[in-house]
């Protein structure tokens, strides 16, 4: 199964046992649980960038 690499934004590979994500482009390698935490943090950071600054909030 394919996954998005958090390092190079290329296509990484999730192994058949769903235990490890490996990117053959940049060499990124992480356990699946760690990969989910990395991607969750990236999504939260992206969301924070789109919250407009409004006075009084």
PDB file of N, CA and C in Angstrom:
ATOM      1  N   UNK A   1       0.852  -1.167   0.000  1.00  0.00           N
ATOM      2  CA  UNK A   1       0.000   0.000   0.000  1.00  0.00           C
ATOM      3  C   UNK A   1       0.906   1.240   0.000  1.00  0.00           C
ATOM      4  N   UNK A   2       0.476   2.257  -0.682  1.00  0.00           N
ATOM      5  CA  UNK A   2       1.237   3.497  -0.766  1.00  0.00           C
ATOM      6  C   UNK A   2       0.869   4.439   0.379  1.00  0.00           C
ATOM      7  N   UNK A   3       1.852   5.252   0.758  1.00  0.00           N
ATOM      8  CA  UNK A   3       1.663   6.266   1.789  1.00  0.00           C
ATOM      9  C   UNK A   3       2.455   7.493   1.364  1.00  0.00           C
ATOM     10  N   UNK A   4       2.118   8.637   1.903  1.00  0.00           N
ATOM     11  CA  UNK A   4       2.850   9.866   1.599  1.00  0.00           C
ATOM     12  C   UNK A   4       4.054   9.967   2.523  1.00  0.00           C
ATOM     13  N   UNK A   5       5.212  10.228   1.939  1.00  0.00           N
ATOM     14  CA  UNK A   5       6.421  10.378   2.745  1.00  0.00           C
ATOM     15  C   UNK A   5       6.415  11.757   3.399  1.00  0.00           C
ATOM     16  N   UNK A   6       6.589  11.824   4.720  1.00  0.00           N
ATOM     17  CA  UNK A   6       6.601  13.117   5.399  1.00  0.00           C
ATOM     18  C   UNK A   6       7.896  13.905   5.177  1.00  0.00           C
ATOM     19  N   UNK A   7       8.928  13.257   4.683  1.00  0.00           N
ATOM     20  CA  UNK A   7      10.213  13.919   4.466  1.00  0.00           C
ATOM     21  C   UNK A   7      10.302  14.571   3.083  1.00  0.00           C
ATOM     22  N   UNK A   8       9.985  13.806   2.031  1.00  0.00           N
ATOM     23  CA  UNK A   8      10.180  14.318   0.671  1.00  0.00           C
ATOM     24  C   UNK A   8       8.876  14.477  -0.104  1.00  0.00           C
ATOM     25  N   UNK A   9       7.739  14.166   0.510  1.00  0.00           N
ATOM     26  CA  UNK A   9       6.414  14.220  -0.130  1.00  0.00           C
ATOM     27  C   UNK A   9       6.284  13.256  -1.296  1.00  0.00           C
ATOM     28  N   UNK A  10       7.212  12.320  -1.409  1.00  0.00           N
ATOM     29  CA  UNK A  10       7.132  11.287  -2.436  1.00  0.00           C
ATOM     30  C   UNK A  10       6.206  10.166  -1.980  1.00  0.00           C
ATOM     31  N   UNK A  11       6.220   9.083  -2.747  1.00  0.00           N
ATOM     32  CA  UNK A  11       5.389   7.933  -2.423  1.00  0.00           C
ATOM     33  C   UNK A  11       6.218   6.945  -1.599  1.00  0.00           C
ATOM     34  N   UNK A  12       5.775   6.693  -0.385  1.00  0.00           N
ATOM     35  CA  UNK A  12       6.402   5.703   0.483  1.00  0.00           C
ATOM     36  C   UNK A  12       5.568   4.424   0.421  1.00  0.00           C
ATOM     37  N   UNK A  13       6.103   3.368   0.996  1.00  0.00           N
ATOM     38  CA  UNK A  13       5.432   2.075   0.948  1.00  0.00           C
ATOM     39  C   UNK A  13       5.146   1.595   2.367  1.00  0.00           C
ATOM     40  N   UNK A  14       3.899   1.202   2.593  1.00  0.00           N
ATOM     41  CA  UNK A  14       3.497   0.571   3.842  1.00  0.00           C
ATOM     42  C   UNK A  14       3.588  -0.927   3.625  1.00  0.00           C
ATOM     43  N   UNK A  15       4.356  -1.623   4.472  1.00  0.00           N
ATOM     44  CA  UNK A  15       4.544  -3.056   4.254  1.00  0.00           C
ATOM     45  C   UNK A  15       3.245  -3.831   4.453  1.00  0.00           C
ATOM     46  N   UNK A  16       3.256  -5.082   4.020  1.00  0.00           N
ATOM     47  CA  UNK A  16       2.047  -5.912   4.045  1.00  0.00           C
ATOM     48  C   UNK A  16       1.549  -6.183   5.461  1.00  0.00           C
ATOM     49  N   UNK A  17       2.452  -6.167   6.430  1.00  0.00           N
ATOM     50  CA  UNK A  17       2.064  -6.421   7.817  1.00  0.00           C
ATOM     51  C   UNK A  17       1.566  -5.171   8.532  1.00  0.00           C
ATOM     52  N   UNK A  18       1.558  -4.034   7.827  1.00  0.00           N
ATOM     53  CA  UNK A  18       1.144  -2.737   8.369  1.00  0.00           C
ATOM     54  C   UNK A  18       1.944  -2.427   9.646  1.00  0.00           C
ATOM     55  N   UNK A  19       3.255  -2.574   9.541  1.00  0.00           N
ATOM     56  CA  UNK A  19       4.117  -2.301  10.688  1.00  0.00           C
ATOM     57  C   UNK A  19       5.165  -1.248  10.405  1.00  0.00           C
ATOM     58  N   UNK A  20       5.460  -0.979   9.125  1.00  0.00           N
ATOM     59  CA  UNK A  20       6.552  -0.072   8.807  1.00  0.00           C
ATOM     60  C   UNK A  20       6.281   0.681   7.500  1.00  0.00           C
ATOM     61  N   UNK A  21       6.679   1.964   7.486  1.00  0.00           N
ATOM     62  CA  UNK A  21       6.571   2.801   6.289  1.00  0.00           C
ATOM     63  C   UNK A  21       7.985   3.130   5.838  1.00  0.00           C
ATOM     64  N   UNK A  22       8.264   2.875   4.554  1.00  0.00           N
ATOM     65  CA  UNK A  22       9.597   3.098   4.012  1.00  0.00           C
ATOM     66  C   UNK A  22       9.486   3.892   2.718  1.00  0.00           C
ATOM     67  N   UNK A  23      10.327   4.940   2.603  1.00  0.00           N
ATOM     68  CA  UNK A  23      10.402   5.712   1.369  1.00  0.00           C
ATOM     69  C   UNK A  23      11.721   5.369   0.687  1.00  0.00           C
ATOM     70  N   UNK A  24      11.632   4.847  -0.501  1.00  0.00           N
ATOM     71  CA  UNK A  24      12.834   4.464  -1.242  1.00  0.00           C
ATOM     72  C   UNK A  24      13.477   5.659  -1.937  1.00  0.00           C
ATOM     73  N   UNK A  25      12.789   6.799  -1.957  1.00  0.00           N
ATOM     74  CA  UNK A  25      13.339   8.002  -2.589  1.00  0.00           C
ATOM     75  C   UNK A  25      14.340   8.702  -1.675  1.00  0.00           C
ATOM     76  N   UNK A  26      13.967   8.904  -0.398  1.00  0.00           N
ATOM     77  CA  UNK A  26      14.822   9.672   0.517  1.00  0.00           C
ATOM     78  C   UNK A  26      15.377   8.839   1.670  1.00  0.00           C
ATOM     79  N   UNK A  27      14.898   7.610   1.824  1.00  0.00           N
ATOM     80  CA  UNK A  27      15.397   6.754   2.886  1.00  0.00           C
ATOM     81  C   UNK A  27      14.627   6.844   4.195  1.00  0.00           C
ATOM     82  N   UNK A  28      13.504   7.582   4.221  1.00  0.00           N
ATOM     83  CA  UNK A  28      12.686   7.668   5.425  1.00  0.00           C
ATOM     84  C   UNK A  28      12.209   6.273   5.817  1.00  0.00           C
ATOM     85  N   UNK A  29      12.245   6.004   7.124  1.00  0.00           N
ATOM     86  CA  UNK A  29      11.776   4.715   7.625  1.00  0.00           C
ATOM     87  C   UNK A  29      11.235   4.930   9.031  1.00  0.00           C
ATOM     88  N   UNK A  30      10.026   4.459   9.282  1.00  0.00           N
ATOM     89  CA  UNK A  30       9.423   4.586  10.611  1.00  0.00           C
ATOM     90  C   UNK A  30       8.403   3.480  10.802  1.00  0.00           C
ATOM     91  N   UNK A  31       8.196   3.132  12.064  1.00  0.00           N
ATOM     92  CA  UNK A  31       7.118   2.207  12.393  1.00  0.00           C
ATOM     93  C   UNK A  31       5.784   2.866  12.072  1.00  0.00           C
ATOM     94  N   UNK A  32       4.767   2.056  11.862  1.00  0.00           N
ATOM     95  CA  UNK A  32       3.474   2.596  11.445  1.00  0.00           C
ATOM     96  C   UNK A  32       2.885   3.554  12.474  1.00  0.00           C
ATOM     97  N   UNK A  33       2.972   3.211  13.756  1.00  0.00           N
ATOM     98  CA  UNK A  33       2.426   4.090  14.798  1.00  0.00           C
ATOM     99  C   UNK A  33       3.158   5.428  14.811  1.00  0.00           C
ATOM    100  N   UNK A  34       4.478   5.404  14.678  1.00  0.00           N
ATOM    101  CA  UNK A  34       5.266   6.642  14.642  1.00  0.00           C
ATOM    102  C   UNK A  34       4.899   7.452  13.400  1.00  0.00           C
ATOM    103  N   UNK A  35       4.721   6.776  12.268  1.00  0.00           N
ATOM    104  CA  UNK A  35       4.324   7.443  11.021  1.00  0.00           C
ATOM    105  C   UNK A  35       3.001   8.180  11.210  1.00  0.00           C
ATOM    106  N   UNK A  36       2.038   7.529  11.861  1.00  0.00           N
ATOM    107  CA  UNK A  36       0.740   8.168  12.096  1.00  0.00           C
ATOM    108  C   UNK A  36       0.892   9.417  12.955  1.00  0.00           C
ATOM    109  N   UNK A  37       1.743   9.362  13.973  1.00  0.00           N
ATOM    110  CA  UNK A  37       1.979  10.527  14.824  1.00  0.00           C
ATOM    111  C   UNK A  37       2.619  11.672  14.037  1.00  0.00           C
ATOM    112  N   UNK A  38       3.572  11.350  13.169  1.00  0.00           N
ATOM    113  CA  UNK A  38       4.232  12.364  12.341  1.00  0.00           C
ATOM    114  C   UNK A  38       3.218  13.034  11.417  1.00  0.00           C
ATOM    115  N   UNK A  39       2.378  12.243  10.772  1.00  0.00           N
ATOM    116  CA  UNK A  39       1.404  12.785   9.830  1.00  0.00           C
ATOM    117  C   UNK A  39       0.308  13.563  10.556  1.00  0.00           C
ATOM    118  N   UNK A  40      -0.077  13.112  11.751  1.00  0.00           N
ATOM    119  CA  UNK A  40      -1.076  13.837  12.544  1.00  0.00           C
ATOM    120  C   UNK A  40      -0.541  15.215  12.932  1.00  0.00           C
ATOM    121  N   UNK A  41       0.706  15.262  13.358  1.00  0.00           N
ATOM    122  CA  UNK A  41       1.325  16.537  13.714  1.00  0.00           C
ATOM    123  C   UNK A  41       1.410  17.463  12.508  1.00  0.00           C
ATOM    124  N   UNK A  42       1.747  16.908  11.353  1.00  0.00           N
ATOM    125  CA  UNK A  42       1.826  17.711  10.128  1.00  0.00           C
ATOM    126  C   UNK A  42       0.454  18.279   9.770  1.00  0.00           C
ATOM    127  N   UNK A  43      -0.591  17.475   9.920  1.00  0.00           N
ATOM    128  CA  UNK A  43      -1.948  17.939   9.608  1.00  0.00           C
ATOM    129  C   UNK A  43      -2.379  19.047  10.566  1.00  0.00           C
ATOM    130  N   UNK A  44      -2.048  18.904  11.840  1.00  0.00           N
ATOM    131  CA  UNK A  44      -2.398  19.946  12.812  1.00  0.00           C
ATOM    132  C   UNK A  44      -1.662  21.246  12.509  1.00  0.00           C
ATOM    133  N   UNK A  45      -0.408  21.154  12.119  1.00  0.00           N
ATOM    134  CA  UNK A  45       0.356  22.343  11.763  1.00  0.00           C
ATOM    135  C   UNK A  45      -0.221  23.021  10.526  1.00  0.00           C
ATOM    136  N   UNK A  46      -0.647  22.225   9.538  1.00  0.00           N
ATOM    137  CA  UNK A  46      -1.253  22.797   8.332  1.00  0.00           C
ATOM    138  C   UNK A  46      -2.561  23.502   8.685  1.00  0.00           C
ATOM    139  N   UNK A  47      -3.357  22.895   9.553  1.00  0.00           N
ATOM    140  CA  UNK A  47      -4.636  23.492   9.940  1.00  0.00           C
ATOM    141  C   UNK A  47      -4.409  24.803  10.686  1.00  0.00           C
ATOM    142  N   UNK A  48      -3.406  24.845  11.531  1.00  0.00           N
ATOM    143  CA  UNK A  48      -3.115  26.061  12.283  1.00  0.00           C
ATOM    144  C   UNK A  48      -2.701  27.198  11.357  1.00  0.00           C
ATOM    145  N   UNK A  49      -2.050  26.882  10.255  1.00  0.00           N
ATOM    146  CA  UNK A  49      -1.633  27.904   9.302  1.00  0.00           C
ATOM    147  C   UNK A  49      -2.816  28.559   8.595  1.00  0.00           C
ATOM    148  N   UNK A  50      -3.965  27.880   8.537  1.00  0.00           N
ATOM    149  CA  UNK A  50      -5.117  28.400   7.811  1.00  0.00           C
ATOM    150  C   UNK A  50      -6.143  29.076   8.708  1.00  0.00           C
ATOM    151  N   UNK A  51      -5.897  29.149   9.988  1.00  0.00           N
ATOM    152  CA  UNK A  51      -6.817  29.847  10.875  1.00  0.00           C
ATOM    153  C   UNK A  51      -6.517  31.335  10.781  1.00  0.00           C
ATOM    154  N   UNK A  52      -7.470  32.122  10.323  1.00  0.00           N
ATOM    155  CA  UNK A  52      -7.209  33.558  10.168  1.00  0.00           C
ATOM    156  C   UNK A  52      -7.063  34.266  11.521  1.00  0.00           C
ATOM    157  N   UNK A  53      -6.201  35.246  11.552  1.00  0.00           N
ATOM    158  CA  UNK A  53      -6.043  36.048  12.753  1.00  0.00           C
ATOM    159  C   UNK A  53      -7.162  37.079  12.770  1.00  0.00           C
ATOM    160  N   UNK A  54      -7.987  36.999  13.803  1.00  0.00           N
ATOM    161  CA  UNK A  54      -9.067  37.966  13.945  1.00  0.00           C
ATOM    162  C   UNK A  54      -8.986  38.593  15.324  1.00  0.00           C
ATOM    163  N   UNK A  55      -9.016  39.899  15.385  1.00  0.00           N
ATOM    164  CA  UNK A  55      -8.980  40.555  16.681  1.00  0.00           C
ATOM    165  C   UNK A  55     -10.179  40.153  17.530  1.00  0.00           C
ATOM    166  N   UNK A  56      -9.941  39.965  18.803  1.00  0.00           N
ATOM    167  CA  UNK A  56     -11.031  39.652  19.718  1.00  0.00           C
ATOM    168  C   UNK A  56     -11.292  38.184  19.899  1.00  0.00           C
ATOM    169  N   UNK A  57     -10.585  37.334  19.191  1.00  0.00           N
ATOM    170  CA  UNK A  57     -10.807  35.885  19.366  1.00  0.00           C
ATOM    171  C   UNK A  57      -9.726  35.271  20.195  1.00  0.00           C
TER     172      UNK A  57
END
